[in-house]
Each structure stands twice: as structure tokens, then as C-alpha cells.
């Protein structure tokens, strides 16, 4: 399985979503920097949800299982 992504941006509710086809053990790093926002939440699409403050740059997540996941920020 190749690692692919499809980016969809939804403007009305200010959610940024990306769709990933991942292999087991793949780590995704989001390009979020200190200047992006004060607080943000990430739904990794596999049942994991995290909230970060502006000091956390480039959040990462490793997927245990292969599949298609939608990451929402």
C-alpha cells in the first residue's frame, strides 16, 4: 500500500481536514507552528484526539493499523 493524501479544506466551520492512506507504523507530522493559533485540537481519525497549546509545534501521531484516516484540525 502506498502512502497517499488528499487534502480537503472546509471553510465555513474553520476545520482543516486531510485524508491519508497509511501503512501500519506510519508516523504523520502536521506542519503547525507556534504562530498558527493559541490552541488547537487534532482528531487523528483512529479514535485518538489531542488538544495542544501554541507551544506545541509539529504534532505527530503513529498509526498502529493500516487504513484510510481523516485527520481534522
C-alpha atoms as a PDB file:
ATOM      1  CA  UNK A   1       0.000   0.000   0.000  1.00  0.00           C
ATOM      2  CA  UNK A   2       1.348   3.413  -0.888  1.00  0.00           C
ATOM      3  CA  UNK A   3       1.096   6.378   1.462  1.00  0.00           C
ATOM      4  CA  UNK A   4      -1.144   8.967  -0.202  1.00  0.00           C
ATOM      5  CA  UNK A   5      -3.010  12.019   0.932  1.00  0.00           C
ATOM      6  CA  UNK A   6      -5.952  14.007  -0.320  1.00  0.00           C
ATOM      7  CA  UNK A   7      -6.336  17.482   1.174  1.00  0.00           C
ATOM      8  CA  UNK A   8      -9.799  18.954   1.708  1.00  0.00           C
ATOM      9  CA  UNK A   9     -10.299  22.364   3.305  1.00  0.00           C
ATOM     10  CA  UNK A  10     -13.704  23.233   4.713  1.00  0.00           C
ATOM     11  CA  UNK A  11     -14.038  26.991   5.225  1.00  0.00           C
ATOM     12  CA  UNK A  12     -17.354  27.564   6.944  1.00  0.00           C
ATOM     13  CA  UNK A  13     -16.550  25.819  10.200  1.00  0.00           C
ATOM     14  CA  UNK A  14     -12.802  26.521  10.066  1.00  0.00           C
ATOM     15  CA  UNK A  15     -11.853  22.827  10.061  1.00  0.00           C
ATOM     16  CA  UNK A  16      -8.854  21.661   8.100  1.00  0.00           C
ATOM     17  CA  UNK A  17      -9.014  18.012   7.057  1.00  0.00           C
ATOM     18  CA  UNK A  18      -6.566  15.698   5.345  1.00  0.00           C
ATOM     19  CA  UNK A  19      -7.223  12.144   4.249  1.00  0.00           C
ATOM     20  CA  UNK A  20      -4.369   9.651   4.490  1.00  0.00           C
ATOM     21  CA  UNK A  21      -3.960   6.069   3.278  1.00  0.00           C
ATOM     22  CA  UNK A  22      -1.314   4.761   5.669  1.00  0.00           C
ATOM     23  CA  UNK A  23       0.621   1.599   6.321  1.00  0.00           C
ATOM     24  CA  UNK A  24       0.905   0.230   9.856  1.00  0.00           C
ATOM     25  CA  UNK A  25       3.543   2.064  11.896  1.00  0.00           C
ATOM     26  CA  UNK A  26       3.488   5.237   9.760  1.00  0.00           C
ATOM     27  CA  UNK A  27       4.014   8.476  11.705  1.00  0.00           C
ATOM     28  CA  UNK A  28       2.258  11.616  10.464  1.00  0.00           C
ATOM     29  CA  UNK A  29       3.681  15.055  11.347  1.00  0.00           C
ATOM     30  CA  UNK A  30       1.450  18.106  10.942  1.00  0.00           C
ATOM     31  CA  UNK A  31       3.117  21.388   9.823  1.00  0.00           C
ATOM     32  CA  UNK A  32       1.664  23.501  12.640  1.00  0.00           C
ATOM     33  CA  UNK A  33       3.982  26.171  14.055  1.00  0.00           C
ATOM     34  CA  UNK A  34       3.872  28.387  17.140  1.00  0.00           C
ATOM     35  CA  UNK A  35       2.269  31.243  15.220  1.00  0.00           C
ATOM     36  CA  UNK A  36      -0.648  29.171  13.891  1.00  0.00           C
ATOM     37  CA  UNK A  37      -3.139  29.677  16.740  1.00  0.00           C
ATOM     38  CA  UNK A  38      -3.379  29.883  20.519  1.00  0.00           C
ATOM     39  CA  UNK A  39      -4.950  26.460  20.960  1.00  0.00           C
ATOM     40  CA  UNK A  40      -5.876  23.721  18.560  1.00  0.00           C
ATOM     41  CA  UNK A  41      -7.271  20.204  18.654  1.00  0.00           C
ATOM     42  CA  UNK A  42      -6.372  17.279  16.428  1.00  0.00           C
ATOM     43  CA  UNK A  43      -8.650  14.345  15.703  1.00  0.00           C
ATOM     44  CA  UNK A  44      -6.286  11.757  14.253  1.00  0.00           C
ATOM     45  CA  UNK A  45      -9.152   9.744  12.739  1.00  0.00           C
ATOM     46  CA  UNK A  46      -8.387   6.498  14.557  1.00  0.00           C
ATOM     47  CA  UNK A  47     -10.145   7.326  17.817  1.00  0.00           C
ATOM     48  CA  UNK A  48      -7.259   9.474  19.125  1.00  0.00           C
ATOM     49  CA  UNK A  49      -7.961  13.122  19.944  1.00  0.00           C
ATOM     50  CA  UNK A  50      -5.455  15.636  21.364  1.00  0.00           C
ATOM     51  CA  UNK A  51      -5.583  19.311  22.348  1.00  0.00           C
ATOM     52  CA  UNK A  52      -2.434  21.431  22.114  1.00  0.00           C
ATOM     53  CA  UNK A  53      -1.434  24.975  23.003  1.00  0.00           C
ATOM     54  CA  UNK A  54       0.648  27.259  20.798  1.00  0.00           C
ATOM     55  CA  UNK A  55       3.940  25.961  22.232  1.00  0.00           C
ATOM     56  CA  UNK A  56       3.498  22.534  20.631  1.00  0.00           C
ATOM     57  CA  UNK A  57       4.941  22.611  17.132  1.00  0.00           C
ATOM     58  CA  UNK A  58       4.685  19.853  14.568  1.00  0.00           C
ATOM     59  CA  UNK A  59       2.443  17.369  16.427  1.00  0.00           C
ATOM     60  CA  UNK A  60       2.970  13.738  15.445  1.00  0.00           C
ATOM     61  CA  UNK A  61       0.913  10.560  15.601  1.00  0.00           C
ATOM     62  CA  UNK A  62       1.785   6.961  14.761  1.00  0.00           C
ATOM     63  CA  UNK A  63      -0.890   4.660  13.353  1.00  0.00           C
ATOM     64  CA  UNK A  64      -0.935   1.095  14.625  1.00  0.00           C
ATOM     65  CA  UNK A  65      -3.075  -0.244  11.777  1.00  0.00           C
ATOM     66  CA  UNK A  66      -3.025   0.271   8.045  1.00  0.00           C
ATOM     67  CA  UNK A  67      -6.051   2.047   6.599  1.00  0.00           C
ATOM     68  CA  UNK A  68      -7.576   5.332   5.475  1.00  0.00           C
ATOM     69  CA  UNK A  69      -7.818   8.029   8.146  1.00  0.00           C
ATOM     70  CA  UNK A  70      -9.172  11.583   8.080  1.00  0.00           C
ATOM     71  CA  UNK A  71      -7.199  13.984  10.288  1.00  0.00           C
ATOM     72  CA  UNK A  72      -9.162  17.053  11.428  1.00  0.00           C
ATOM     73  CA  UNK A  73      -7.587  20.155  12.997  1.00  0.00           C
END
